[in-house]
C-alpha cells in the first residue's frame, strides 16, 4: 500500500488513479495543521484503511516537526486510542476532551 501526499493531504489510489482513501489537513498557522476530513471508499471497507492512513500522516507530521489539531471525528477517536502519538498534538488536553465528548459515527467512513 503506497500513500501519496502533498502539503495538505494524503491519499491512496488504485492502479487506475481512482482515489480510494483521503485524509485532508490544511495548515491553520505556521507549523500546525488541522486534520479535517478522513474518507474511505466503501470498496475498501473493513481493511483498516482509515487507521493506516491516519498513522501514516501522524508519522509524516512527526518527521516534519508539524503539530496537529483535530476536527475530523475519526481522527479524534484514532488519536485517543493511540497515545503514543500525543506528542504531535498541538493541545493534547483539548483533544482528549473532544474525544470524551464525541458521539455518533466517525466522519468519512462511508457505508455502502
PDB file of N, CA and C in Angstrom:
ATOM      1  N   UNK A   1       0.852  -1.165   0.000  1.00  0.00           N
ATOM      2  CA  UNK A   1       0.000   0.000   0.000  1.00  0.00           C
ATOM      3  C   UNK A   1       0.896   1.226   0.000  1.00  0.00           C
ATOM      4  N   UNK A   2       0.713   2.068  -0.990  1.00  0.00           N
ATOM      5  CA  UNK A   2       1.556   3.257  -1.112  1.00  0.00           C
ATOM      6  C   UNK A   2       0.699   4.517  -1.064  1.00  0.00           C
ATOM      7  N   UNK A   3       0.856   5.264   0.021  1.00  0.00           N
ATOM      8  CA  UNK A   3       0.143   6.525   0.157  1.00  0.00           C
ATOM      9  C   UNK A   3       0.898   7.614  -0.579  1.00  0.00           C
ATOM     10  N   UNK A   4       0.149   8.567  -1.106  1.00  0.00           N
ATOM     11  CA  UNK A   4       0.722   9.730  -1.770  1.00  0.00           C
ATOM     12  C   UNK A   4       0.354  10.942  -0.935  1.00  0.00           C
ATOM     13  N   UNK A   5       1.236  11.935  -0.929  1.00  0.00           N
ATOM     14  CA  UNK A   5       0.993  13.129  -0.127  1.00  0.00           C
ATOM     15  C   UNK A   5       1.398  14.374  -0.879  1.00  0.00           C
ATOM     16  N   UNK A   6       0.710  15.465  -0.557  1.00  0.00           N
ATOM     17  CA  UNK A   6       1.188  16.793  -0.894  1.00  0.00           C
ATOM     18  C   UNK A   6       1.140  17.595   0.394  1.00  0.00           C
ATOM     19  N   UNK A   7       1.192  18.888   0.311  1.00  0.00           N
ATOM     20  CA  UNK A   7       1.282  19.711   1.522  1.00  0.00           C
ATOM     21  C   UNK A   7       0.074  19.577   2.442  1.00  0.00           C
ATOM     22  N   UNK A   8      -1.132  19.383   1.885  1.00  0.00           N
ATOM     23  CA  UNK A   8      -2.355  19.442   2.678  1.00  0.00           C
ATOM     24  C   UNK A   8      -3.184  18.171   2.708  1.00  0.00           C
ATOM     25  N   UNK A   9      -2.702  17.106   2.107  1.00  0.00           N
ATOM     26  CA  UNK A   9      -3.494  15.880   2.116  1.00  0.00           C
ATOM     27  C   UNK A   9      -2.626  14.668   1.804  1.00  0.00           C
ATOM     28  N   UNK A  10      -3.143  13.517   2.205  1.00  0.00           N
ATOM     29  CA  UNK A  10      -2.550  12.221   1.879  1.00  0.00           C
ATOM     30  C   UNK A  10      -3.674  11.370   1.341  1.00  0.00           C
ATOM     31  N   UNK A  11      -3.385  10.561   0.337  1.00  0.00           N
ATOM     32  CA  UNK A  11      -4.413   9.742  -0.280  1.00  0.00           C
ATOM     33  C   UNK A  11      -3.843   8.419  -0.760  1.00  0.00           C
ATOM     34  N   UNK A  12      -4.760   7.527  -1.060  1.00  0.00           N
ATOM     35  CA  UNK A  12      -4.449   6.215  -1.625  1.00  0.00           C
ATOM     36  C   UNK A  12      -5.272   6.100  -2.893  1.00  0.00           C
ATOM     37  N   UNK A  13      -4.649   5.634  -3.957  1.00  0.00           N
ATOM     38  CA  UNK A  13      -5.390   5.436  -5.202  1.00  0.00           C
ATOM     39  C   UNK A  13      -5.116   4.057  -5.767  1.00  0.00           C
ATOM     40  N   UNK A  14      -6.050   3.604  -6.620  1.00  0.00           N
ATOM     41  CA  UNK A  14      -5.852   2.306  -7.255  1.00  0.00           C
ATOM     42  C   UNK A  14      -4.969   2.457  -8.486  1.00  0.00           C
ATOM     43  N   UNK A  15      -4.747   1.364  -9.183  1.00  0.00           N
ATOM     44  CA  UNK A  15      -3.850   1.361 -10.339  1.00  0.00           C
ATOM     45  C   UNK A  15      -4.342   2.240 -11.482  1.00  0.00           C
ATOM     46  N   UNK A  16      -5.620   2.612 -11.457  1.00  0.00           N
ATOM     47  CA  UNK A  16      -6.177   3.484 -12.495  1.00  0.00           C
ATOM     48  C   UNK A  16      -6.230   4.948 -12.059  1.00  0.00           C
ATOM     49  N   UNK A  17      -5.732   5.248 -10.884  1.00  0.00           N
ATOM     50  CA  UNK A  17      -5.717   6.613 -10.389  1.00  0.00           C
ATOM     51  C   UNK A  17      -6.976   7.022  -9.638  1.00  0.00           C
ATOM     52  N   UNK A  18      -7.890   6.075  -9.405  1.00  0.00           N
ATOM     53  CA  UNK A  18      -9.105   6.381  -8.639  1.00  0.00           C
ATOM     54  C   UNK A  18      -8.735   6.501  -7.166  1.00  0.00           C
ATOM     55  N   UNK A  19      -9.170   7.596  -6.549  1.00  0.00           N
ATOM     56  CA  UNK A  19      -8.897   7.818  -5.129  1.00  0.00           C
ATOM     57  C   UNK A  19      -9.729   6.870  -4.277  1.00  0.00           C
ATOM     58  N   UNK A  20      -9.059   6.122  -3.402  1.00  0.00           N
ATOM     59  CA  UNK A  20      -9.721   5.150  -2.539  1.00  0.00           C
ATOM     60  C   UNK A  20      -9.794   5.604  -1.086  1.00  0.00           C
ATOM     61  N   UNK A  21      -8.887   6.473  -0.696  1.00  0.00           N
ATOM     62  CA  UNK A  21      -8.867   6.978   0.678  1.00  0.00           C
ATOM     63  C   UNK A  21      -8.209   8.345   0.674  1.00  0.00           C
ATOM     64  N   UNK A  22      -8.596   9.163   1.652  1.00  0.00           N
ATOM     65  CA  UNK A  22      -8.105  10.535   1.720  1.00  0.00           C
ATOM     66  C   UNK A  22      -8.095  11.011   3.166  1.00  0.00           C
ATOM     67  N   UNK A  23      -7.057  11.752   3.527  1.00  0.00           N
ATOM     68  CA  UNK A  23      -7.020  12.476   4.796  1.00  0.00           C
ATOM     69  C   UNK A  23      -6.523  13.876   4.469  1.00  0.00           C
ATOM     70  N   UNK A  24      -7.374  14.873   4.746  1.00  0.00           N
ATOM     71  CA  UNK A  24      -7.038  16.263   4.458  1.00  0.00           C
ATOM     72  C   UNK A  24      -6.609  16.967   5.736  1.00  0.00           C
ATOM     73  N   UNK A  25      -5.560  17.802   5.638  1.00  0.00           N
ATOM     74  CA  UNK A  25      -5.028  18.501   6.801  1.00  0.00           C
ATOM     75  C   UNK A  25      -4.409  19.840   6.384  1.00  0.00           C
ATOM     76  N   UNK A  26      -5.265  20.849   6.174  1.00  0.00           N
ATOM     77  CA  UNK A  26      -4.737  22.165   5.814  1.00  0.00           C
ATOM     78  C   UNK A  26      -3.959  22.798   6.963  1.00  0.00           C
ATOM     79  N   UNK A  27      -3.003  23.618   6.609  1.00  0.00           N
ATOM     80  CA  UNK A  27      -2.248  24.357   7.616  1.00  0.00           C
ATOM     81  C   UNK A  27      -3.135  25.465   8.174  1.00  0.00           C
ATOM     82  N   UNK A  28      -3.207  25.579   9.496  1.00  0.00           N
ATOM     83  CA  UNK A  28      -4.036  26.600  10.126  1.00  0.00           C
ATOM     84  C   UNK A  28      -3.203  27.753  10.681  1.00  0.00           C
ATOM     85  N   UNK A  29      -1.945  27.490  10.932  1.00  0.00           N
ATOM     86  CA  UNK A  29      -0.972  28.506  11.296  1.00  0.00           C
ATOM     87  C   UNK A  29       0.405  27.854  11.112  1.00  0.00           C
ATOM     88  N   UNK A  30       1.450  28.652  11.096  1.00  0.00           N
ATOM     89  CA  UNK A  30       2.768  28.061  10.841  1.00  0.00           C
ATOM     90  C   UNK A  30       3.086  26.897  11.783  1.00  0.00           C
ATOM     91  N   UNK A  31       3.393  25.755  11.202  1.00  0.00           N
ATOM     92  CA  UNK A  31       3.779  24.582  11.973  1.00  0.00           C
ATOM     93  C   UNK A  31       2.637  23.789  12.568  1.00  0.00           C
ATOM     94  N   UNK A  32       1.378  24.165  12.225  1.00  0.00           N
ATOM     95  CA  UNK A  32       0.210  23.459  12.759  1.00  0.00           C
ATOM     96  C   UNK A  32      -0.797  23.206  11.634  1.00  0.00           C
ATOM     97  N   UNK A  33      -1.216  21.947  11.514  1.00  0.00           N
ATOM     98  CA  UNK A  33      -2.260  21.578  10.559  1.00  0.00           C
ATOM     99  C   UNK A  33      -3.493  21.120  11.336  1.00  0.00           C
ATOM    100  N   UNK A  34      -4.617  21.064  10.640  1.00  0.00           N
ATOM    101  CA  UNK A  34      -5.852  20.567  11.237  1.00  0.00           C
ATOM    102  C   UNK A  34      -6.327  19.381  10.422  1.00  0.00           C
ATOM    103  N   UNK A  35      -6.386  18.210  11.049  1.00  0.00           N
ATOM    104  CA  UNK A  35      -6.912  17.034  10.379  1.00  0.00           C
ATOM    105  C   UNK A  35      -8.425  17.203  10.318  1.00  0.00           C
ATOM    106  N   UNK A  36      -8.931  17.537   9.129  1.00  0.00           N
ATOM    107  CA  UNK A  36     -10.323  17.946   8.995  1.00  0.00           C
ATOM    108  C   UNK A  36     -11.232  16.896   8.375  1.00  0.00           C
ATOM    109  N   UNK A  37     -10.670  15.963   7.622  1.00  0.00           N
ATOM    110  CA  UNK A  37     -11.555  15.039   6.914  1.00  0.00           C
ATOM    111  C   UNK A  37     -10.829  13.750   6.551  1.00  0.00           C
ATOM    112  N   UNK A  38     -11.452  12.635   6.899  1.00  0.00           N
ATOM    113  CA  UNK A  38     -10.973  11.306   6.515  1.00  0.00           C
ATOM    114  C   UNK A  38     -12.080  10.655   5.706  1.00  0.00           C
ATOM    115  N   UNK A  39     -11.708  10.057   4.590  1.00  0.00           N
ATOM    116  CA  UNK A  39     -12.699   9.403   3.744  1.00  0.00           C
ATOM    117  C   UNK A  39     -12.111   8.115   3.177  1.00  0.00           C
ATOM    118  N   UNK A  40     -12.918   7.057   3.193  1.00  0.00           N
ATOM    119  CA  UNK A  40     -12.506   5.772   2.631  1.00  0.00           C
ATOM    120  C   UNK A  40     -13.629   5.270   1.733  1.00  0.00           C
ATOM    121  N   UNK A  41     -13.264   4.870   0.530  1.00  0.00           N
ATOM    122  CA  UNK A  41     -14.240   4.333  -0.405  1.00  0.00           C
ATOM    123  C   UNK A  41     -14.843   3.045   0.163  1.00  0.00           C
ATOM    124  N   UNK A  42     -16.150   2.845  -0.021  1.00  0.00           N
ATOM    125  CA  UNK A  42     -16.794   1.636   0.508  1.00  0.00           C
ATOM    126  C   UNK A  42     -16.149   0.330   0.026  1.00  0.00           C
ATOM    127  N   UNK A  43     -15.531   0.346  -1.151  1.00  0.00           N
ATOM    128  CA  UNK A  43     -14.885  -0.867  -1.670  1.00  0.00           C
ATOM    129  C   UNK A  43     -13.703  -1.300  -0.815  1.00  0.00           C
ATOM    130  N   UNK A  44     -13.207  -0.386   0.040  1.00  0.00           N
ATOM    131  CA  UNK A  44     -12.052  -0.677   0.892  1.00  0.00           C
ATOM    132  C   UNK A  44     -12.472  -0.945   2.339  1.00  0.00           C
ATOM    133  N   UNK A  45     -13.776  -1.005   2.581  1.00  0.00           N
ATOM    134  CA  UNK A  45     -14.292  -1.177   3.939  1.00  0.00           C
ATOM    135  C   UNK A  45     -13.775  -2.430   4.620  1.00  0.00           C
ATOM    136  N   UNK A  46     -13.588  -2.324   5.919  1.00  0.00           N
ATOM    137  CA  UNK A  46     -13.182  -3.470   6.723  1.00  0.00           C
ATOM    138  C   UNK A  46     -11.715  -3.829   6.652  1.00  0.00           C
ATOM    139  N   UNK A  47     -10.914  -3.006   5.996  1.00  0.00           N
ATOM    140  CA  UNK A  47      -9.489  -3.309   5.838  1.00  0.00           C
ATOM    141  C   UNK A  47      -8.592  -2.436   6.717  1.00  0.00           C
ATOM    142  N   UNK A  48      -9.204  -1.580   7.527  1.00  0.00           N
ATOM    143  CA  UNK A  48      -8.418  -0.729   8.402  1.00  0.00           C
ATOM    144  C   UNK A  48      -7.707   0.407   7.695  1.00  0.00           C
ATOM    145  N   UNK A  49      -8.190   0.782   6.527  1.00  0.00           N
ATOM    146  CA  UNK A  49      -7.519   1.803   5.722  1.00  0.00           C
ATOM    147  C   UNK A  49      -7.522   3.161   6.427  1.00  0.00           C
ATOM    148  N   UNK A  50      -8.631   3.532   7.057  1.00  0.00           N
ATOM    149  CA  UNK A  50      -8.688   4.828   7.746  1.00  0.00           C
ATOM    150  C   UNK A  50      -7.610   4.906   8.823  1.00  0.00           C
ATOM    151  N   UNK A  51      -7.442   3.845   9.574  1.00  0.00           N
ATOM    152  CA  UNK A  51      -6.403   3.818  10.596  1.00  0.00           C
ATOM    153  C   UNK A  51      -5.005   3.867  10.006  1.00  0.00           C
ATOM    154  N   UNK A  52      -4.807   3.154   8.906  1.00  0.00           N
ATOM    155  CA  UNK A  52      -3.486   3.126   8.273  1.00  0.00           C
ATOM    156  C   UNK A  52      -3.102   4.489   7.710  1.00  0.00           C
ATOM    157  N   UNK A  53      -4.069   5.177   7.077  1.00  0.00           N
ATOM    158  CA  UNK A  53      -3.739   6.487   6.512  1.00  0.00           C
ATOM    159  C   UNK A  53      -3.514   7.498   7.632  1.00  0.00           C
ATOM    160  N   UNK A  54      -4.268   7.380   8.724  1.00  0.00           N
ATOM    161  CA  UNK A  54      -4.081   8.290   9.856  1.00  0.00           C
ATOM    162  C   UNK A  54      -2.716   8.071  10.499  1.00  0.00           C
ATOM    163  N   UNK A  55      -2.321   6.828  10.668  1.00  0.00           N
ATOM    164  CA  UNK A  55      -0.999   6.558  11.237  1.00  0.00           C
ATOM    165  C   UNK A  55       0.113   7.057  10.311  1.00  0.00           C
ATOM    166  N   UNK A  56      -0.062   6.862   9.012  1.00  0.00           N
ATOM    167  CA  UNK A  56       0.926   7.357   8.052  1.00  0.00           C
ATOM    168  C   UNK A  56       1.091   8.867   8.183  1.00  0.00           C
ATOM    169  N   UNK A  57      -0.040   9.578   8.263  1.00  0.00           N
ATOM    170  CA  UNK A  57       0.007  11.038   8.393  1.00  0.00           C
ATOM    171  C   UNK A  57       0.635  11.438   9.727  1.00  0.00           C
ATOM    172  N   UNK A  58       0.291  10.746  10.803  1.00  0.00           N
ATOM    173  CA  UNK A  58       0.879  11.053  12.112  1.00  0.00           C
ATOM    174  C   UNK A  58       2.402  10.910  12.059  1.00  0.00           C
ATOM    175  N   UNK A  59       2.889   9.857  11.441  1.00  0.00           N
ATOM    176  CA  UNK A  59       4.332   9.658  11.325  1.00  0.00           C
ATOM    177  C   UNK A  59       4.963  10.727  10.438  1.00  0.00           C
ATOM    178  N   UNK A  60       4.274  11.083   9.364  1.00  0.00           N
ATOM    179  CA  UNK A  60       4.762  12.124   8.458  1.00  0.00           C
ATOM    180  C   UNK A  60       4.881  13.453   9.192  1.00  0.00           C
ATOM    181  N   UNK A  61       3.831  13.826   9.917  1.00  0.00           N
ATOM    182  CA  UNK A  61       3.852  15.093  10.651  1.00  0.00           C
ATOM    183  C   UNK A  61       4.949  15.099  11.704  1.00  0.00           C
ATOM    184  N   UNK A  62       5.093  13.992  12.419  1.00  0.00           N
ATOM    185  CA  UNK A  62       6.148  13.891  13.433  1.00  0.00           C
ATOM    186  C   UNK A  62       7.516  14.102  12.795  1.00  0.00           C
ATOM    187  N   UNK A  63       7.737  13.447  11.666  1.00  0.00           N
ATOM    188  CA  UNK A  63       9.010  13.564  10.972  1.00  0.00           C
ATOM    189  C   UNK A  63       9.300  14.978  10.484  1.00  0.00           C
ATOM    190  N   UNK A  64       8.239  15.730  10.194  1.00  0.00           N
ATOM    191  CA  UNK A  64       8.390  17.101   9.720  1.00  0.00           C
ATOM    192  C   UNK A  64       8.373  18.122  10.858  1.00  0.00           C
ATOM    193  N   UNK A  65       8.136  17.654  12.089  1.00  0.00           N
ATOM    194  CA  UNK A  65       8.059  18.566  13.217  1.00  0.00           C
ATOM    195  C   UNK A  65       6.809  19.430  13.211  1.00  0.00           C
ATOM    196  N   UNK A  66       5.739  18.933  12.587  1.00  0.00           N
ATOM    197  CA  UNK A  66       4.481  19.664  12.488  1.00  0.00           C
ATOM    198  C   UNK A  66       3.519  19.153  13.559  1.00  0.00           C
ATOM    199  N   UNK A  67       2.785  20.072  14.174  1.00  0.00           N
ATOM    200  CA  UNK A  67       1.778  19.723  15.173  1.00  0.00           C
ATOM    201  C   UNK A  67       0.411  19.632  14.506  1.00  0.00           C
ATOM    202  N   UNK A  68      -0.530  18.959  15.187  1.00  0.00           N
ATOM    203  CA  UNK A  68      -1.857  18.760  14.624  1.00  0.00           C
ATOM    204  C   UNK A  68      -2.950  19.162  15.595  1.00  0.00           C
ATOM    205  N   UNK A  69      -3.984  19.768  15.037  1.00  0.00           N
ATOM    206  CA  UNK A  69      -5.258  19.948  15.702  1.00  0.00           C
ATOM    207  C   UNK A  69      -6.208  18.975  15.018  1.00  0.00           C
ATOM    208  N   UNK A  70      -7.298  18.624  15.676  1.00  0.00           N
ATOM    209  CA  UNK A  70      -8.206  17.612  15.139  1.00  0.00           C
ATOM    210  C   UNK A  70      -9.634  18.136  15.064  1.00  0.00           C
ATOM    211  N   UNK A  71     -10.191  18.151  13.860  1.00  0.00           N
ATOM    212  CA  UNK A  71     -11.605  18.462  13.665  1.00  0.00           C
ATOM    213  C   UNK A  71     -12.366  17.232  13.188  1.00  0.00           C
ATOM    214  N   UNK A  72     -11.686  16.339  12.521  1.00  0.00           N
ATOM    215  CA  UNK A  72     -12.294  15.116  11.985  1.00  0.00           C
ATOM    216  C   UNK A  72     -12.616  14.158  13.138  1.00  0.00           C
ATOM    217  N   UNK A  73     -13.858  13.716  13.197  1.00  0.00           N
ATOM    218  CA  UNK A  73     -14.254  12.826  14.286  1.00  0.00           C
ATOM    219  C   UNK A  73     -13.466  11.517  14.267  1.00  0.00           C
ATOM    220  N   UNK A  74     -13.142  11.006  13.085  1.00  0.00           N
ATOM    221  CA  UNK A  74     -12.348   9.780  13.024  1.00  0.00           C
ATOM    222  C   UNK A  74     -10.959  10.029  13.630  1.00  0.00           C
ATOM    223  N   UNK A  75     -10.340  11.139  13.246  1.00  0.00           N
ATOM    224  CA  UNK A  75      -9.003  11.452  13.767  1.00  0.00           C
ATOM    225  C   UNK A  75      -9.025  11.638  15.277  1.00  0.00           C
ATOM    226  N   UNK A  76     -10.060  12.296  15.797  1.00  0.00           N
ATOM    227  CA  UNK A  76     -10.181  12.481  17.245  1.00  0.00           C
ATOM    228  C   UNK A  76     -10.200  11.120  17.933  1.00  0.00           C
ATOM    229  N   UNK A  77     -10.999  10.208  17.415  1.00  0.00           N
ATOM    230  CA  UNK A  77     -11.070   8.863  18.016  1.00  0.00           C
ATOM    231  C   UNK A  77      -9.756   8.119  17.871  1.00  0.00           C
ATOM    232  N   UNK A  78      -9.152   8.194  16.694  1.00  0.00           N
ATOM    233  CA  UNK A  78      -7.917   7.460  16.445  1.00  0.00           C
ATOM    234  C   UNK A  78      -6.826   7.916  17.413  1.00  0.00           C
ATOM    235  N   UNK A  79      -6.637   9.223  17.552  1.00  0.00           N
ATOM    236  CA  UNK A  79      -5.595   9.728  18.444  1.00  0.00           C
ATOM    237  C   UNK A  79      -5.888   9.383  19.893  1.00  0.00           C
ATOM    238  N   UNK A  80      -7.174   9.320  20.269  1.00  0.00           N
ATOM    239  CA  UNK A  80      -7.496   8.952  21.657  1.00  0.00           C
ATOM    240  C   UNK A  80      -7.121   7.501  21.945  1.00  0.00           C
ATOM    241  N   UNK A  81      -7.074   6.671  20.902  1.00  0.00           N
ATOM    242  CA  UNK A  81      -6.700   5.261  21.054  1.00  0.00           C
ATOM    243  C   UNK A  81      -5.211   5.020  20.829  1.00  0.00           C
ATOM    244  N   UNK A  82      -4.484   6.045  20.427  1.00  0.00           N
ATOM    245  CA  UNK A  82      -3.053   5.925  20.134  1.00  0.00           C
ATOM    246  C   UNK A  82      -2.266   7.019  20.847  1.00  0.00           C
ATOM    247  N   UNK A  83      -2.182   6.919  22.175  1.00  0.00           N
ATOM    248  CA  UNK A  83      -1.485   7.968  22.943  1.00  0.00           C
ATOM    249  C   UNK A  83      -0.005   8.088  22.600  1.00  0.00           C
ATOM    250  N   UNK A  84       0.547   7.113  21.935  1.00  0.00           N
ATOM    251  CA  UNK A  84       1.952   7.201  21.539  1.00  0.00           C
ATOM    252  C   UNK A  84       2.191   8.313  20.515  1.00  0.00           C
ATOM    253  N   UNK A  85       1.119   8.876  19.958  1.00  0.00           N
ATOM    254  CA  UNK A  85       1.233   9.980  19.011  1.00  0.00           C
ATOM    255  C   UNK A  85       0.798  11.311  19.623  1.00  0.00           C
ATOM    256  N   UNK A  86       0.587  11.374  20.914  1.00  0.00           N
ATOM    257  CA  UNK A  86       0.149  12.608  21.573  1.00  0.00           C
ATOM    258  C   UNK A  86       1.158  13.744  21.397  1.00  0.00           C
ATOM    259  N   UNK A  87       2.417  13.397  21.171  1.00  0.00           N
ATOM    260  CA  UNK A  87       3.444  14.428  21.028  1.00  0.00           C
ATOM    261  C   UNK A  87       3.250  15.307  19.804  1.00  0.00           C
ATOM    262  N   UNK A  88       2.485  14.861  18.830  1.00  0.00           N
ATOM    263  CA  UNK A  88       2.281  15.710  17.651  1.00  0.00           C
ATOM    264  C   UNK A  88       1.037  16.583  17.780  1.00  0.00           C
ATOM    265  N   UNK A  89       0.261  16.392  18.830  1.00  0.00           N
ATOM    266  CA  UNK A  89      -0.936  17.200  19.011  1.00  0.00           C
ATOM    267  C   UNK A  89      -0.572  18.580  19.552  1.00  0.00           C
ATOM    268  N   UNK A  90      -1.161  19.602  18.973  1.00  0.00           N
ATOM    269  CA  UNK A  90      -0.898  20.976  19.407  1.00  0.00           C
ATOM    270  C   UNK A  90      -1.367  21.188  20.839  1.00  0.00           C
ATOM    271  N   UNK A  91      -2.500  20.547  21.216  1.00  0.00           N
ATOM    272  CA  UNK A  91      -3.049  20.676  22.564  1.00  0.00           C
ATOM    273  C   UNK A  91      -3.658  19.331  22.973  1.00  0.00           C
ATOM    274  N   UNK A  92      -2.842  18.405  23.475  1.00  0.00           N
ATOM    275  CA  UNK A  92      -3.335  17.071  23.820  1.00  0.00           C
ATOM    276  C   UNK A  92      -4.511  17.075  24.800  1.00  0.00           C
ATOM    277  N   UNK A  93      -4.526  17.997  25.764  1.00  0.00           N
ATOM    278  CA  UNK A  93      -5.626  18.039  26.728  1.00  0.00           C
ATOM    279  C   UNK A  93      -6.942  18.401  26.052  1.00  0.00           C
ATOM    280  N   UNK A  94      -6.915  19.372  25.149  1.00  0.00           N
ATOM    281  CA  UNK A  94      -8.135  19.763  24.428  1.00  0.00           C
ATOM    282  C   UNK A  94      -8.627  18.616  23.556  1.00  0.00           C
ATOM    283  N   UNK A  95      -7.716  17.903  22.925  1.00  0.00           N
ATOM    284  CA  UNK A  95      -8.111  16.790  22.067  1.00  0.00           C
ATOM    285  C   UNK A  95      -8.694  15.648  22.899  1.00  0.00           C
ATOM    286  N   UNK A  96      -8.180  15.435  24.098  1.00  0.00           N
ATOM    287  CA  UNK A  96      -8.735  14.401  24.975  1.00  0.00           C
ATOM    288  C   UNK A  96     -10.172  14.756  25.358  1.00  0.00           C
ATOM    289  N   UNK A  97     -10.434  16.033  25.621  1.00  0.00           N
ATOM    290  CA  UNK A  97     -11.799  16.467  25.931  1.00  0.00           C
ATOM    291  C   UNK A  97     -12.716  16.282  24.732  1.00  0.00           C
ATOM    292  N   UNK A  98     -12.210  16.587  23.536  1.00  0.00           N
ATOM    293  CA  UNK A  98     -13.005  16.367  22.321  1.00  0.00           C
ATOM    294  C   UNK A  98     -13.372  14.898  22.176  1.00  0.00           C
ATOM    295  N   UNK A  99     -12.432  14.019  22.452  1.00  0.00           N
ATOM    296  CA  UNK A  99     -12.683  12.582  22.328  1.00  0.00           C
ATOM    297  C   UNK A  99     -13.738  12.128  23.326  1.00  0.00           C
ATOM    298  N   UNK A 100     -13.685  12.652  24.551  1.00  0.00           N
ATOM    299  CA  UNK A 100     -14.677  12.282  25.568  1.00  0.00           C
ATOM    300  C   UNK A 100     -16.080  12.719  25.173  1.00  0.00           C
ATOM    301  N   UNK A 101     -16.194  13.865  24.496  1.00  0.00           N
ATOM    302  CA  UNK A 101     -17.492  14.431  24.147  1.00  0.00           C
ATOM    303  C   UNK A 101     -18.057  13.863  22.846  1.00  0.00           C
ATOM    304  N   UNK A 102     -17.235  13.153  22.099  1.00  0.00           N
ATOM    305  CA  UNK A 102     -17.638  12.710  20.763  1.00  0.00           C
ATOM    306  C   UNK A 102     -18.646  11.576  20.814  1.00  0.00           C
ATOM    307  N   UNK A 103     -19.681  11.692  20.016  1.00  0.00           N
ATOM    308  CA  UNK A 103     -20.675  10.632  19.896  1.00  0.00           C
ATOM    309  C   UNK A 103     -21.070  10.477  18.440  1.00  0.00           C
ATOM    310  N   UNK A 104     -21.662   9.354  18.098  1.00  0.00           N
ATOM    311  CA  UNK A 104     -22.105   9.121  16.722  1.00  0.00           C
ATOM    312  C   UNK A 104     -21.016   8.556  15.841  1.00  0.00           C
ATOM    313  N   UNK A 105     -21.336   8.340  14.570  1.00  0.00           N
ATOM    314  CA  UNK A 105     -20.375   7.718  13.650  1.00  0.00           C
ATOM    315  C   UNK A 105     -19.237   8.652  13.287  1.00  0.00           C
ATOM    316  N   UNK A 106     -18.099   8.080  12.991  1.00  0.00           N
ATOM    317  CA  UNK A 106     -16.949   8.867  12.572  1.00  0.00           C
ATOM    318  C   UNK A 106     -17.167   9.396  11.156  1.00  0.00           C
ATOM    319  N   UNK A 107     -16.608  10.550  10.879  1.00  0.00           N
ATOM    320  CA  UNK A 107     -16.758  11.120   9.543  1.00  0.00           C
ATOM    321  C   UNK A 107     -15.995  10.292   8.518  1.00  0.00           C
ATOM    322  N   UNK A 108     -16.420  10.374   7.305  1.00  0.00           N
ATOM    323  CA  UNK A 108     -15.683   9.798   6.203  1.00  0.00           C
ATOM    324  C   UNK A 108     -15.740   8.294   6.063  1.00  0.00           C
ATOM    325  N   UNK A 109     -16.375   7.608   6.984  1.00  0.00           N
ATOM    326  CA  UNK A 109     -16.448   6.165   6.868  1.00  0.00           C
ATOM    327  C   UNK A 109     -17.785   5.882   6.167  1.00  0.00           C
ATOM    328  N   UNK A 110     -17.689   5.900   4.855  1.00  0.00           N
ATOM    329  CA  UNK A 110     -18.905   5.769   4.047  1.00  0.00           C
ATOM    330  C   UNK A 110     -19.447   4.348   4.121  1.00  0.00           C
ATOM    331  N   UNK A 111     -20.698   4.258   4.272  1.00  0.00           N
ATOM    332  CA  UNK A 111     -21.384   2.963   4.337  1.00  0.00           C
ATOM    333  C   UNK A 111     -22.062   2.713   2.996  1.00  0.00           C
ATOM    334  N   UNK A 112     -21.661   1.623   2.354  1.00  0.00           N
ATOM    335  CA  UNK A 112     -22.216   1.174   1.087  1.00  0.00           C
ATOM    336  C   UNK A 112     -23.199   1.952   0.419  1.00  0.00           C
TER     337      UNK A 112
END
